[in-house]
Each structure stands twice: as C-alpha cells, then as structure tokens.
Amino acid sequence: MGHHELVHRHLREPHHKPCGGRARHRGGAARHRARSRQLKRLFRPLKDPRASNVRHDLVEILVIAFAATLAGAKTCTEFEFFGKGREELLRRFLELRYGIPATIRSATSSVL
C-alpha cells in the first residue's frame, strides 16, 4: 500500500473510541456547545463569498478543513474523507444540519 492510500485510509477511519459510561460525559453537551461557540467566534469575521443559497455553514466547513489539516490532510478530497470518517465525533460540537459537505473543495477554494 502506497503513501497516498495510507493517508486516505487514516483520514477515513475514526480514531476516537467512545467510552462506555455516562458518568464520563456528564456536562459534556454544555462543554461541546461552548467549544462550538468558540470556534464560530474564531472564524466568524470571515466573509462568505459563496452564493446566498448555499446549504452548508462556512464556519463548519472551515472547522472540518482545519481539523483535517491538523490530522495530516493536504487536499480538499482528504478533508472530505476526514469529515465523513469522523462525522459522529464532529457532530459533538458542530450542527452539521446537512451532514458532511461533499463540496468542501468549492467552499474552501472560494475562501482560501
């Protein structure tokens, strides 16, 4: 298996294993909402250059791209693999009303 295939495999497979007990998650929802607000505040000053009829929130797309980059992703396709492989984890602090965007490429290219 080549390097490219290993990166794609790594980005698709979630590494977070949920813990079994509820006690460990006490207060977790409030903590995740607070993190979400912090992330949105960080990216909110950016103007969204996309059309007004877009489905996915630009801040959520940028958070996915940022997290994917920290995990080693280098392309928009890898950002998408990362998001789809970790959707359950990302939903802990992102709304993702329409799921993981398949158009991360077009959204990020218009901003970055």
C-alpha atoms as a PDB file:
ATOM      1  CA  MET A   1       0.000   0.000   0.000  1.00  0.00           C
ATOM      2  CA  GLY A   2       1.460   3.367  -1.057  1.00  0.00           C
ATOM      3  CA  HIS A   3       1.667   6.545   0.974  1.00  0.00           C
ATOM      4  CA  HIS A   4      -1.364   8.070  -0.760  1.00  0.00           C
ATOM      5  CA  GLU A   5      -3.551   5.068   0.092  1.00  0.00           C
ATOM      6  CA  LEU A   6      -2.334   5.079   3.707  1.00  0.00           C
ATOM      7  CA  VAL A   7      -3.221   8.750   4.120  1.00  0.00           C
ATOM      8  CA  HIS A   8      -6.699   8.171   2.700  1.00  0.00           C
ATOM      9  CA  ARG A   9      -7.210   5.161   4.956  1.00  0.00           C
ATOM     10  CA  HIS A  10      -6.019   7.109   8.010  1.00  0.00           C
ATOM     11  CA  LEU A  11      -8.310  10.042   7.264  1.00  0.00           C
ATOM     12  CA  ARG A  12     -11.378   7.843   6.768  1.00  0.00           C
ATOM     13  CA  GLU A  13     -11.027   5.774   9.920  1.00  0.00           C
ATOM     14  CA  PRO A  14     -12.072   7.412  13.175  1.00  0.00           C
ATOM     15  CA  HIS A  15      -9.547   7.006  15.967  1.00  0.00           C
ATOM     16  CA  HIS A  16     -11.862   8.200  18.708  1.00  0.00           C
ATOM     17  CA  LYS A  17     -13.416   5.376  20.685  1.00  0.00           C
ATOM     18  CA  PRO A  18     -16.407   6.448  22.778  1.00  0.00           C
ATOM     19  CA  CYS A  19     -16.123   5.489  26.415  1.00  0.00           C
ATOM     20  CA  GLY A  20     -18.815   3.286  27.825  1.00  0.00           C
ATOM     21  CA  GLY A  21     -20.017   5.123  30.924  1.00  0.00           C
ATOM     22  CA  ARG A  22     -22.376   8.078  31.076  1.00  0.00           C
ATOM     23  CA  ALA A  23     -20.600   9.497  34.098  1.00  0.00           C
ATOM     24  CA  ARG A  24     -17.589  10.395  31.973  1.00  0.00           C
ATOM     25  CA  HIS A  25     -19.780  12.525  29.734  1.00  0.00           C
ATOM     26  CA  ARG A  26     -21.502  14.474  32.480  1.00  0.00           C
ATOM     27  CA  GLY A  27     -21.562  18.082  31.424  1.00  0.00           C
ATOM     28  CA  GLY A  28     -20.220  17.063  28.028  1.00  0.00           C
ATOM     29  CA  ALA A  29     -23.034  18.600  25.983  1.00  0.00           C
ATOM     30  CA  ALA A  30     -22.572  22.011  27.574  1.00  0.00           C
ATOM     31  CA  ARG A  31     -18.813  21.785  27.116  1.00  0.00           C
ATOM     32  CA  HIS A  32     -19.244  20.895  23.431  1.00  0.00           C
ATOM     33  CA  ARG A  33     -21.658  23.794  22.879  1.00  0.00           C
ATOM     34  CA  ALA A  34     -19.119  26.141  24.464  1.00  0.00           C
ATOM     35  CA  ARG A  35     -16.380  24.817  22.156  1.00  0.00           C
ATOM     36  CA  SER A  36     -18.655  25.257  19.175  1.00  0.00           C
ATOM     37  CA  ARG A  37     -19.288  28.895  20.105  1.00  0.00           C
ATOM     38  CA  GLN A  38     -15.540  29.481  20.485  1.00  0.00           C
ATOM     39  CA  LEU A  39     -14.830  28.003  17.044  1.00  0.00           C
ATOM     40  CA  LYS A  40     -17.577  30.065  15.451  1.00  0.00           C
ATOM     41  CA  ARG A  41     -16.228  33.230  17.054  1.00  0.00           C
ATOM     42  CA  LEU A  42     -12.780  32.434  15.679  1.00  0.00           C
ATOM     43  CA  PHE A  43     -13.969  32.125  12.068  1.00  0.00           C
ATOM     44  CA  ARG A  44     -16.966  34.494  12.100  1.00  0.00           C
ATOM     45  CA  PRO A  45     -15.042  37.580  10.887  1.00  0.00           C
ATOM     46  CA  LEU A  46     -14.538  35.840   7.537  1.00  0.00           C
ATOM     47  CA  LYS A  47     -16.988  36.960   4.871  1.00  0.00           C
ATOM     48  CA  ASP A  48     -18.683  34.147   2.975  1.00  0.00           C
ATOM     49  CA  PRO A  49     -18.052  34.795  -0.740  1.00  0.00           C
ATOM     50  CA  ARG A  50     -20.393  31.995  -1.822  1.00  0.00           C
ATOM     51  CA  ALA A  51     -23.883  32.437  -3.220  1.00  0.00           C
ATOM     52  CA  SER A  52     -26.650  33.149  -0.725  1.00  0.00           C
ATOM     53  CA  ASN A  53     -28.374  29.800  -1.387  1.00  0.00           C
ATOM     54  CA  VAL A  54     -25.627  27.529  -0.005  1.00  0.00           C
ATOM     55  CA  ARG A  55     -26.603  24.686   2.317  1.00  0.00           C
ATOM     56  CA  HIS A  56     -23.549  24.200   4.498  1.00  0.00           C
ATOM     57  CA  ASP A  57     -22.322  26.699   7.055  1.00  0.00           C
ATOM     58  CA  LEU A  58     -18.954  28.157   6.055  1.00  0.00           C
ATOM     59  CA  VAL A  59     -17.678  28.058   9.640  1.00  0.00           C
ATOM     60  CA  GLU A  60     -18.397  24.325   9.858  1.00  0.00           C
ATOM     61  CA  ILE A  61     -16.591  23.713   6.570  1.00  0.00           C
ATOM     62  CA  LEU A  62     -13.571  25.671   7.786  1.00  0.00           C
ATOM     63  CA  VAL A  63     -13.532  23.813  11.117  1.00  0.00           C
ATOM     64  CA  ILE A  64     -13.560  20.470   9.273  1.00  0.00           C
ATOM     65  CA  ALA A  65     -10.770  21.660   6.958  1.00  0.00           C
ATOM     66  CA  PHE A  66      -8.734  22.934   9.923  1.00  0.00           C
ATOM     67  CA  ALA A  67      -9.147  19.701  11.909  1.00  0.00           C
ATOM     68  CA  ALA A  68      -8.349  17.616   8.833  1.00  0.00           C
ATOM     69  CA  THR A  69      -5.195  19.651   8.249  1.00  0.00           C
ATOM     70  CA  LEU A  70      -4.106  19.001  11.826  1.00  0.00           C
ATOM     71  CA  ALA A  71      -4.666  15.291  11.146  1.00  0.00           C
ATOM     72  CA  GLY A  72      -2.416  15.412   8.082  1.00  0.00           C
ATOM     73  CA  ALA A  73      -4.845  16.100   5.237  1.00  0.00           C
ATOM     74  CA  LYS A  74      -3.428  18.166   2.400  1.00  0.00           C
ATOM     75  CA  THR A  75      -6.162  18.212  -0.214  1.00  0.00           C
ATOM     76  CA  CYS A  76      -9.855  19.025  -0.274  1.00  0.00           C
ATOM     77  CA  THR A  77     -10.592  15.377  -1.066  1.00  0.00           C
ATOM     78  CA  GLU A  78      -8.738  14.375   2.093  1.00  0.00           C
ATOM     79  CA  PHE A  79     -10.705  16.994   4.057  1.00  0.00           C
ATOM     80  CA  GLU A  80     -13.895  15.307   2.860  1.00  0.00           C
ATOM     81  CA  PHE A  81     -12.597  11.808   3.757  1.00  0.00           C
ATOM     82  CA  PHE A  82     -11.681  13.101   7.198  1.00  0.00           C
ATOM     83  CA  GLY A  83     -15.118  14.625   7.737  1.00  0.00           C
ATOM     84  CA  LYS A  84     -17.008  11.552   6.590  1.00  0.00           C
ATOM     85  CA  GLY A  85     -14.829   9.241   8.675  1.00  0.00           C
ATOM     86  CA  ARG A  86     -15.339  11.316  11.812  1.00  0.00           C
ATOM     87  CA  GLU A  87     -18.846  12.637  11.360  1.00  0.00           C
ATOM     88  CA  GLU A  88     -20.068  11.264  14.682  1.00  0.00           C
ATOM     89  CA  LEU A  89     -17.222  12.975  16.528  1.00  0.00           C
ATOM     90  CA  LEU A  90     -17.670  16.248  14.614  1.00  0.00           C
ATOM     91  CA  ARG A  91     -21.389  16.288  15.466  1.00  0.00           C
ATOM     92  CA  ARG A  92     -20.440  16.656  19.114  1.00  0.00           C
ATOM     93  CA  PHE A  93     -19.566  20.288  18.500  1.00  0.00           C
ATOM     94  CA  LEU A  94     -20.865  21.111  15.010  1.00  0.00           C
ATOM     95  CA  GLU A  95     -24.509  21.127  13.979  1.00  0.00           C
ATOM     96  CA  LEU A  96     -23.899  19.636  10.506  1.00  0.00           C
ATOM     97  CA  ARG A  97     -27.565  20.122   9.598  1.00  0.00           C
ATOM     98  CA  TYR A  98     -26.982  18.677   6.111  1.00  0.00           C
ATOM     99  CA  GLY A  99     -24.195  16.260   7.015  1.00  0.00           C
ATOM    100  CA  ILE A 100     -20.607  16.464   5.855  1.00  0.00           C
ATOM    101  CA  PRO A 101     -20.418  18.668   2.770  1.00  0.00           C
ATOM    102  CA  ALA A 102     -19.321  16.881  -0.376  1.00  0.00           C
ATOM    103  CA  THR A 103     -18.325  20.240  -1.813  1.00  0.00           C
ATOM    104  CA  ILE A 104     -15.571  21.179   0.602  1.00  0.00           C
ATOM    105  CA  ARG A 105     -13.411  21.816  -2.440  1.00  0.00           C
ATOM    106  CA  SER A 106     -15.583  24.597  -3.857  1.00  0.00           C
ATOM    107  CA  ALA A 107     -16.305  26.162  -0.468  1.00  0.00           C
ATOM    108  CA  THR A 108     -12.705  26.303   0.684  1.00  0.00           C
ATOM    109  CA  SER A 109     -11.299  27.382  -2.673  1.00  0.00           C
ATOM    110  CA  SER A 110     -13.509  30.451  -2.663  1.00  0.00           C
ATOM    111  CA  VAL A 111     -12.290  31.467   0.793  1.00  0.00           C
ATOM    112  CA  LEU A 112      -8.670  30.335   0.982  1.00  0.00           C
END
